[in-house]
Structures are given as structure tokens and as C-alpha cells.
């Protein structure tokens, strides 16, 4: 059985290094803030990935084939799937996201724009078993996982997620996935700590979301956003740092935080193409092809069993 959100949040907050899962960024407000992040000048992943998909759309469509059933875990506003579904003339699109209310609105917009496409919205968390519609055929599926969200998981977790994706498809299925690549820290860090403070607001909003889910009394103004590259782990880390000594309470417990003590809210691992191909192989995807931009900042990878 999936852990109740309150239990999962308390477990994370009670560790020696306190943490909040990045999935708790995504209430309705957090989803809107992330939309804003994707349009920031510092945030290269979204526009770089979109440029790769558009540039190589013909080859992707030839390799994928027409009429696929597209399943997108973490669909968010469904924007990224719009172009792909048109390019491959998808027969059906199943959007899956933890922020169900936000997803429902986004799916309806897509239905209005593409009436020929059968669109369904499913509330779900990729770290748990996803329950897809009963009438969804097993054959001819394409799992679409753009945005380099696979980087939010450490290596063992990423392997688990890829294994789950492999379990969603048959031998004729495929995975199209976005992967952020290693690059200069001068490019990486501003993408997670923008001058306008949108990423900071996104990070701090997780505390309001946790308050609602847990009944805790976090005060976001007592915390500051921190983001930096950890070269040993090849990952960006995002944290919330206590500005002063403080106590946080929740039903049945709480925690004291010293000044400067941090809550780890997100990691974003950066890969090389060869290393990611090995991870895909371990998950049961034995064939892959990658497309990148000219600077090799980002890769879009098509993987098949």
C-alpha cells in the first residue's frame, strides 16, 4: 500500500538530514509556478528539449510510428505532449500527474484544441503503481517522460522508475525520455536560482503544501532558498535553509531547527549519454538512440525493449 502523505512527510522531516520529497512542490500553485520557471531565461531545459524534439520530429516519428497510445507520467500542463501527439498522430493520450486538479484543467484545454485525440487524465504518482484506464490497450504504447524529471531520483530510485515504465509497455512499446546532461556550473546553478526569485517561491511553496497535508506550522518567511551543484554526486541540490533558530510542530510531533539547518527538497542528477544508456539497459530497455542540441546540454532518448 502507498504511504499516506502525512506519514511519508514526517518520516522525511525526522531524518538526521531533513527532507521533503519534490513531489510536494506540485499543488495547484506549485504547478503554476513551475510553468513560469520553464519560461525563465536561466532555465534552459524546457526550451532546449523542445528544440531537439522539433528539429528531429521527422526521425522520431519514423522510429516511433503513427497512431501510438501516449502515456505521460508527470504530465503537468500537458504542453510538451501537444507537439509530439501531432507529430506521431497519436490515437490516445493519457496524462498522469500527482496534481489532479491542475491536470484536469490542462487535459480539458488539450481536448478543446485537439478534438480528434482521445484525452484522459489520471491522478497518480510515478513512485507508486499507476492505475491506468481499464480499456487502455496494452499494445502500441509510448511512455513519454520529458523535462529531465528522471534526474529527481538517485540512481537506485531512477532504475526503479524506469523499471515501472518498462512495466507499462509490451515488446512493441517504447519510451521517449528527456535527460539533462553534465555541463558548466555557471549554466547549471542559475537555472535553479533565477534572478526573479521564481524558483525560490516554488521551493518555499512546498512548505505551505506540507502545512495543508500534515497540519504543521511552517512559516515560509523563516526559510530561504538554496541551490548549488554537488560535483561529487553530479547533481544540483535544492534546500530550504532556516534563517533563525525555530521549532516546527505537527500533530503528534515536531522538530527543532538550528540557524542554517537545511531541508533537502530536490536533487537533479546530470548524466552523460553512455551512463544513461547503461541505466536504461538495466531497466529492460535494450536499445536506445539519443538526439542532442549542438552544445550537448540536453538529450532526448528513444528506448525500446
Protein backbone atom coordinates (compact mmCIF):
# COMPACT_ATOMS: atom_id res chain seq x y z
CA UNK A 1 0.00 0.00 0.00
CA UNK A 2 1.30 3.54 -0.75
CA UNK A 3 2.37 5.52 2.29
CA UNK A 4 -0.09 8.15 3.49
CA UNK A 5 1.33 11.60 2.62
CA UNK A 6 1.48 12.65 6.30
CA UNK A 7 3.45 9.54 7.26
CA UNK A 8 5.84 9.99 4.35
CA UNK A 9 6.39 13.69 5.12
CA UNK A 10 7.01 13.05 8.84
CA UNK A 11 9.48 10.30 8.00
CA UNK A 12 11.42 12.68 5.76
CA UNK A 13 11.37 15.56 8.24
CA UNK A 14 12.54 13.26 11.04
CA UNK A 15 15.74 12.11 9.32
CA UNK A 16 19.10 13.50 10.51
CA UNK A 17 19.17 15.34 7.15
CA UNK A 18 15.57 16.53 6.96
CA UNK A 19 13.94 16.19 3.55
CA UNK A 20 10.68 16.80 1.72
CA UNK A 21 10.01 14.85 -1.47
CA UNK A 22 9.98 17.06 -4.59
CA UNK A 23 6.54 15.70 -5.48
CA UNK A 24 5.18 18.02 -2.75
CA UNK A 25 6.15 21.02 -4.87
CA UNK A 26 3.15 20.27 -7.04
CA UNK A 27 -0.05 21.56 -5.60
CA UNK A 28 -2.01 23.84 -7.97
CA UNK A 29 0.09 26.91 -7.06
CA UNK A 30 3.35 24.97 -7.35
CA UNK A 31 2.35 23.66 -10.78
CA UNK A 32 1.65 27.22 -11.96
CA UNK A 33 5.00 28.41 -10.56
CA UNK A 34 6.79 25.62 -12.39
CA UNK A 35 5.12 26.74 -15.62
CA UNK A 36 6.69 30.17 -15.00
CA UNK A 37 10.09 28.58 -14.30
CA UNK A 38 10.07 26.84 -17.69
CA UNK A 39 9.84 30.25 -19.38
CA UNK A 40 12.69 31.89 -17.44
CA UNK A 41 15.81 32.92 -19.40
CA UNK A 42 18.04 30.96 -16.99
CA UNK A 43 16.03 27.75 -17.24
CA UNK A 44 17.43 26.08 -20.37
CA UNK A 45 15.98 22.51 -20.11
CA UNK A 46 12.47 23.14 -21.44
CA UNK A 47 13.34 25.22 -24.48
CA UNK A 48 16.42 23.09 -25.30
CA UNK A 49 14.41 19.87 -25.15
CA UNK A 50 11.59 21.37 -27.24
CA UNK A 51 14.10 22.50 -29.87
CA UNK A 52 15.56 18.97 -30.06
CA UNK A 53 12.12 17.37 -30.45
CA UNK A 54 11.10 19.87 -33.15
CA UNK A 55 14.39 19.56 -35.02
CA UNK A 56 14.25 15.76 -35.07
CA UNK A 57 10.46 15.33 -35.17
CA UNK A 58 10.54 13.58 -38.54
CA UNK A 59 13.06 10.95 -37.44
CA UNK A 60 11.36 10.48 -34.07
CA UNK A 61 8.01 9.97 -35.82
CA UNK A 62 9.54 7.46 -38.27
CA UNK A 63 11.10 5.45 -35.45
CA UNK A 64 8.06 5.64 -33.15
CA UNK A 65 5.41 5.09 -35.83
CA UNK A 66 1.94 6.59 -36.18
CA UNK A 67 -1.12 6.05 -34.02
CA UNK A 68 0.62 5.36 -30.73
CA UNK A 69 -1.09 5.49 -27.35
CA UNK A 70 0.93 8.14 -25.49
CA UNK A 71 1.18 7.84 -21.70
CA UNK A 72 2.82 10.81 -19.97
CA UNK A 73 3.67 10.44 -16.25
CA UNK A 74 4.11 13.84 -14.61
CA UNK A 75 2.17 15.50 -17.40
CA UNK A 76 1.68 18.85 -15.63
CA UNK A 77 0.14 21.29 -18.08
CA UNK A 78 0.27 18.77 -20.99
CA UNK A 79 2.11 21.35 -23.12
CA UNK A 80 5.04 19.12 -24.07
CA UNK A 81 2.80 16.32 -25.31
CA UNK A 82 0.86 18.56 -27.68
CA UNK A 83 3.56 18.72 -30.36
CA UNK A 84 4.50 15.05 -30.01
CA UNK A 85 0.90 13.85 -30.31
CA UNK A 86 0.51 15.84 -33.51
CA UNK A 87 3.84 14.65 -34.93
CA UNK A 88 3.07 10.95 -34.47
CA UNK A 89 -0.70 11.29 -34.99
CA UNK A 90 -1.33 9.70 -31.60
CA UNK A 91 -4.61 7.83 -31.23
CA UNK A 92 -4.92 8.39 -27.49
CA UNK A 93 -3.21 10.41 -24.78
CA UNK A 94 -3.23 9.51 -21.08
CA UNK A 95 -1.91 12.28 -18.83
CA UNK A 96 -0.81 11.22 -15.34
CA UNK A 97 0.08 13.68 -12.58
CA UNK A 98 0.07 13.97 -8.80
CA UNK A 99 -1.64 17.39 -9.00
CA UNK A 100 -5.00 16.03 -10.16
CA UNK A 101 -7.00 19.29 -10.19
CA UNK A 102 -4.37 21.15 -12.23
CA UNK A 103 -4.12 18.16 -14.58
CA UNK A 104 -7.88 18.02 -15.19
CA UNK A 105 -7.93 21.63 -16.37
CA UNK A 106 -4.89 21.07 -18.61
CA UNK A 107 -6.39 17.93 -20.14
CA UNK A 108 -9.59 19.77 -20.96
CA UNK A 109 -7.64 22.51 -22.77
CA UNK A 110 -5.93 19.82 -24.84
CA UNK A 111 -9.28 18.20 -25.71
CA UNK A 112 -10.58 21.56 -26.89
CA UNK A 113 -7.53 22.11 -29.09
CA UNK A 114 -7.24 18.55 -30.44
CA UNK A 115 -10.78 17.12 -30.62
CA UNK A 116 -9.56 14.20 -32.75
CA UNK A 117 -7.35 12.97 -29.88
CA UNK A 118 -8.85 10.89 -27.09
CA UNK A 119 -7.51 12.54 -23.92
CA UNK A 120 -7.75 11.10 -20.42
CA UNK A 121 -6.45 12.50 -17.12
CA UNK A 122 -5.34 10.14 -14.34
CA UNK A 123 -4.25 11.18 -10.85
CA UNK A 124 -1.14 9.21 -9.97
CA UNK A 125 2.36 9.16 -8.51
CA UNK A 126 5.12 7.53 -10.57
CA UNK A 127 6.84 6.31 -7.41
CA UNK A 128 3.77 4.12 -6.81
CA UNK A 129 1.81 1.81 -9.09
CA UNK A 130 -0.09 3.85 -11.70
CA UNK A 131 -3.66 2.70 -12.31
CA UNK A 132 -4.41 3.25 -15.99
CA UNK A 133 -7.90 3.16 -17.57
CA UNK A 134 -9.29 -0.39 -17.81
CA UNK A 135 -9.97 -0.09 -21.53
CA UNK A 136 -6.44 1.04 -22.44
CA UNK A 137 -4.87 -1.48 -24.85
CA UNK A 138 -1.51 -2.90 -23.80
CA UNK A 139 -0.11 -2.82 -27.33
CA UNK A 140 1.41 0.12 -29.21
CA UNK A 141 2.11 2.30 -26.19
CA UNK A 142 4.66 5.11 -25.98
CA UNK A 143 5.62 6.32 -22.50
CA UNK A 144 6.66 9.97 -22.73
CA UNK A 145 8.73 11.37 -19.87
CA UNK A 146 10.11 14.78 -20.89
CA UNK A 147 11.62 17.55 -18.80
CA UNK A 148 14.56 15.60 -17.33
CA UNK A 149 12.38 14.65 -14.34
CA UNK A 150 14.26 11.35 -14.14
CA UNK A 151 17.06 13.45 -12.64
CA UNK A 152 14.99 14.00 -9.49
CA UNK A 153 15.73 10.42 -8.46
CA UNK A 154 19.01 8.98 -7.23
CA UNK A 155 20.42 6.08 -9.26
CA UNK A 156 18.58 3.22 -7.49
CA UNK A 157 15.31 5.20 -7.49
CA UNK A 158 15.78 6.15 -11.15
CA UNK A 159 16.26 2.47 -12.00
CA UNK A 160 13.03 1.64 -10.12
CA UNK A 161 11.15 4.34 -12.05
CA UNK A 162 12.48 3.09 -15.39
CA UNK A 163 11.51 -0.48 -14.44
CA UNK A 164 7.97 0.79 -13.71
CA UNK A 165 7.90 2.45 -17.13
CA UNK A 166 9.07 -0.79 -18.74
CA UNK A 167 6.17 -2.49 -16.99
CA UNK A 168 3.69 -0.15 -18.71
CA UNK A 169 4.60 -1.36 -22.19
CA UNK A 170 4.77 -4.58 -24.20
CA UNK A 171 7.54 -5.67 -26.55
CA UNK A 172 6.23 -3.28 -29.22
CA UNK A 173 6.25 -0.36 -26.81
CA UNK A 174 8.76 2.45 -26.39
CA UNK A 175 9.94 5.17 -24.02
CA UNK A 176 10.78 8.73 -25.10
CA UNK A 177 12.59 10.47 -22.26
CA UNK A 178 14.36 13.79 -21.67
CA UNK A 179 17.75 13.72 -19.92
CA UNK A 180 19.75 16.71 -18.69
CA UNK A 181 23.47 16.37 -19.37
CA UNK A 182 26.53 17.46 -17.41
CA UNK A 183 27.67 20.99 -18.19
CA UNK A 184 29.38 24.07 -16.75
CA UNK A 185 28.26 25.05 -13.24
CA UNK A 186 27.85 28.64 -14.48
CA UNK A 187 24.95 27.37 -16.61
CA UNK A 188 23.56 24.86 -14.11
CA UNK A 189 23.23 26.91 -10.93
CA UNK A 190 21.31 29.94 -12.30
CA UNK A 191 18.75 27.53 -13.79
CA UNK A 192 17.80 26.60 -10.22
CA UNK A 193 18.28 30.01 -8.61
CA UNK A 194 16.91 32.59 -11.04
CA UNK A 195 17.25 36.34 -10.64
CA UNK A 196 13.46 36.87 -10.48
CA UNK A 197 13.11 34.54 -7.49
CA UNK A 198 10.50 32.28 -9.11
CA UNK A 199 12.39 29.09 -8.21
CA UNK A 200 12.72 30.35 -4.63
CA UNK A 201 8.94 30.88 -4.46
CA UNK A 202 8.42 27.40 -5.93
CA UNK A 203 10.68 25.84 -3.30
CA UNK A 204 9.11 27.76 -0.41
CA UNK A 205 5.60 26.90 -1.60
CA UNK A 206 6.31 23.28 -0.67
CA UNK A 207 6.08 24.36 2.98
CA UNK A 208 2.55 25.69 2.51
CA UNK A 209 1.58 22.47 0.76
CA UNK A 210 3.07 20.38 3.59
CA UNK A 211 1.20 22.50 6.15
CA UNK A 212 -2.09 21.59 4.49
CA UNK A 213 -1.27 17.90 4.19
CA UNK A 214 0.33 17.48 7.59
CA UNK A 215 -1.27 20.16 9.79
CA UNK A 216 2.19 21.58 10.51
CA UNK A 217 3.08 25.21 11.23
CA UNK A 218 5.94 26.02 8.87
CA UNK A 219 6.28 29.77 8.27
CA UNK A 220 7.88 30.20 4.82
CA UNK A 221 9.26 33.66 5.68
CA UNK A 222 11.55 31.93 8.22
CA UNK A 223 13.28 30.00 5.43
CA UNK A 224 15.49 30.82 2.43
CA UNK A 225 16.02 29.03 -0.87
CA UNK A 226 19.41 27.44 -1.53
CA UNK A 227 20.53 25.76 -4.77
CA UNK A 228 24.02 24.57 -5.75
CA UNK A 229 25.84 21.95 -7.83
CA UNK A 230 27.34 18.98 -6.00
CA UNK A 231 30.13 17.81 -8.36
CA UNK A 232 30.87 14.57 -6.49
CA UNK A 233 27.27 13.39 -6.91
CA UNK A 234 26.83 15.15 -10.31
CA UNK A 235 23.62 16.78 -9.16
CA UNK A 236 22.01 20.11 -8.42
CA UNK A 237 20.67 20.20 -4.87
CA UNK A 238 17.83 22.42 -3.67
CA UNK A 239 17.35 23.07 0.02
CA UNK A 240 15.32 25.25 2.36
CA UNK A 241 17.56 26.83 4.99
CA UNK A 242 16.37 28.07 8.39
CA UNK A 243 17.10 31.79 8.76
CA UNK A 244 16.99 31.57 12.54
CA UNK A 245 16.50 29.08 15.35
CA UNK A 246 12.96 27.77 15.16
CA UNK A 247 10.58 24.98 16.02
CA UNK A 248 8.08 23.32 13.70
CA UNK A 249 5.13 21.40 15.09
CA UNK A 250 2.75 18.85 13.60
CA UNK A 251 0.10 16.60 15.15
CA UNK A 252 1.91 14.18 17.42
CA UNK A 253 5.38 15.66 16.96
CA UNK A 254 7.70 18.34 15.70
CA UNK A 255 11.32 19.29 15.17
CA UNK A 256 13.77 21.95 16.28
CA UNK A 257 15.90 23.57 13.56
CA UNK A 258 19.14 25.42 14.26
CA UNK A 259 20.06 28.55 12.26
CA UNK A 260 21.37 27.46 8.87
CA UNK A 261 19.97 23.93 9.16
CA UNK A 262 18.53 22.71 5.88
CA UNK A 263 15.66 20.65 4.50
CA UNK A 264 16.66 18.90 1.27
CA UNK A 265 13.81 19.33 -1.21
CA UNK A 266 15.21 18.25 -4.57
CA UNK A 267 18.13 16.69 -6.37
CA UNK A 268 18.55 16.99 -10.12
CA UNK A 269 21.12 14.49 -11.38
CA UNK A 270 23.02 15.25 -14.56
CA UNK A 271 24.01 12.36 -16.81
CA UNK A 272 26.23 11.51 -19.73
CA UNK A 273 24.55 9.69 -22.62
CA UNK A 274 26.56 6.49 -22.23
CA UNK A 275 25.86 6.22 -18.50
CA UNK A 276 22.15 6.76 -19.04
CA UNK A 277 22.09 4.09 -21.76
CA UNK A 278 23.52 1.61 -19.22
CA UNK A 279 20.75 2.55 -16.76
CA UNK A 280 18.11 2.02 -19.45
CA UNK A 281 19.59 -1.39 -20.29
CA UNK A 282 19.43 -2.42 -16.63
CA UNK A 283 15.72 -1.49 -16.63
CA UNK A 284 14.94 -3.69 -19.63
CA UNK A 285 15.32 -1.17 -22.45
CA UNK A 286 17.98 -2.86 -24.55
CA UNK A 287 18.05 -0.46 -27.50
CA UNK A 288 18.29 3.32 -27.44
CA UNK A 289 19.03 6.26 -29.69
CA UNK A 290 19.74 9.80 -28.47
CA UNK A 291 19.39 13.23 -30.02
CA UNK A 292 21.09 16.30 -28.53
CA UNK A 293 21.42 20.03 -29.14
CA UNK A 294 24.63 21.48 -30.62
CA UNK A 295 26.08 22.25 -27.17
CA UNK A 296 25.18 18.79 -25.82
CA UNK A 297 23.36 20.35 -22.90
CA UNK A 298 20.37 18.03 -23.15
CA UNK A 299 19.36 14.72 -24.72
CA UNK A 300 16.08 13.21 -25.90
CA UNK A 301 16.36 9.42 -25.82
CA UNK A 302 14.11 6.85 -27.50
CA UNK A 303 14.40 3.47 -25.80
CA UNK A 304 12.82 0.14 -26.69
CA UNK A 305 12.86 -3.34 -25.10
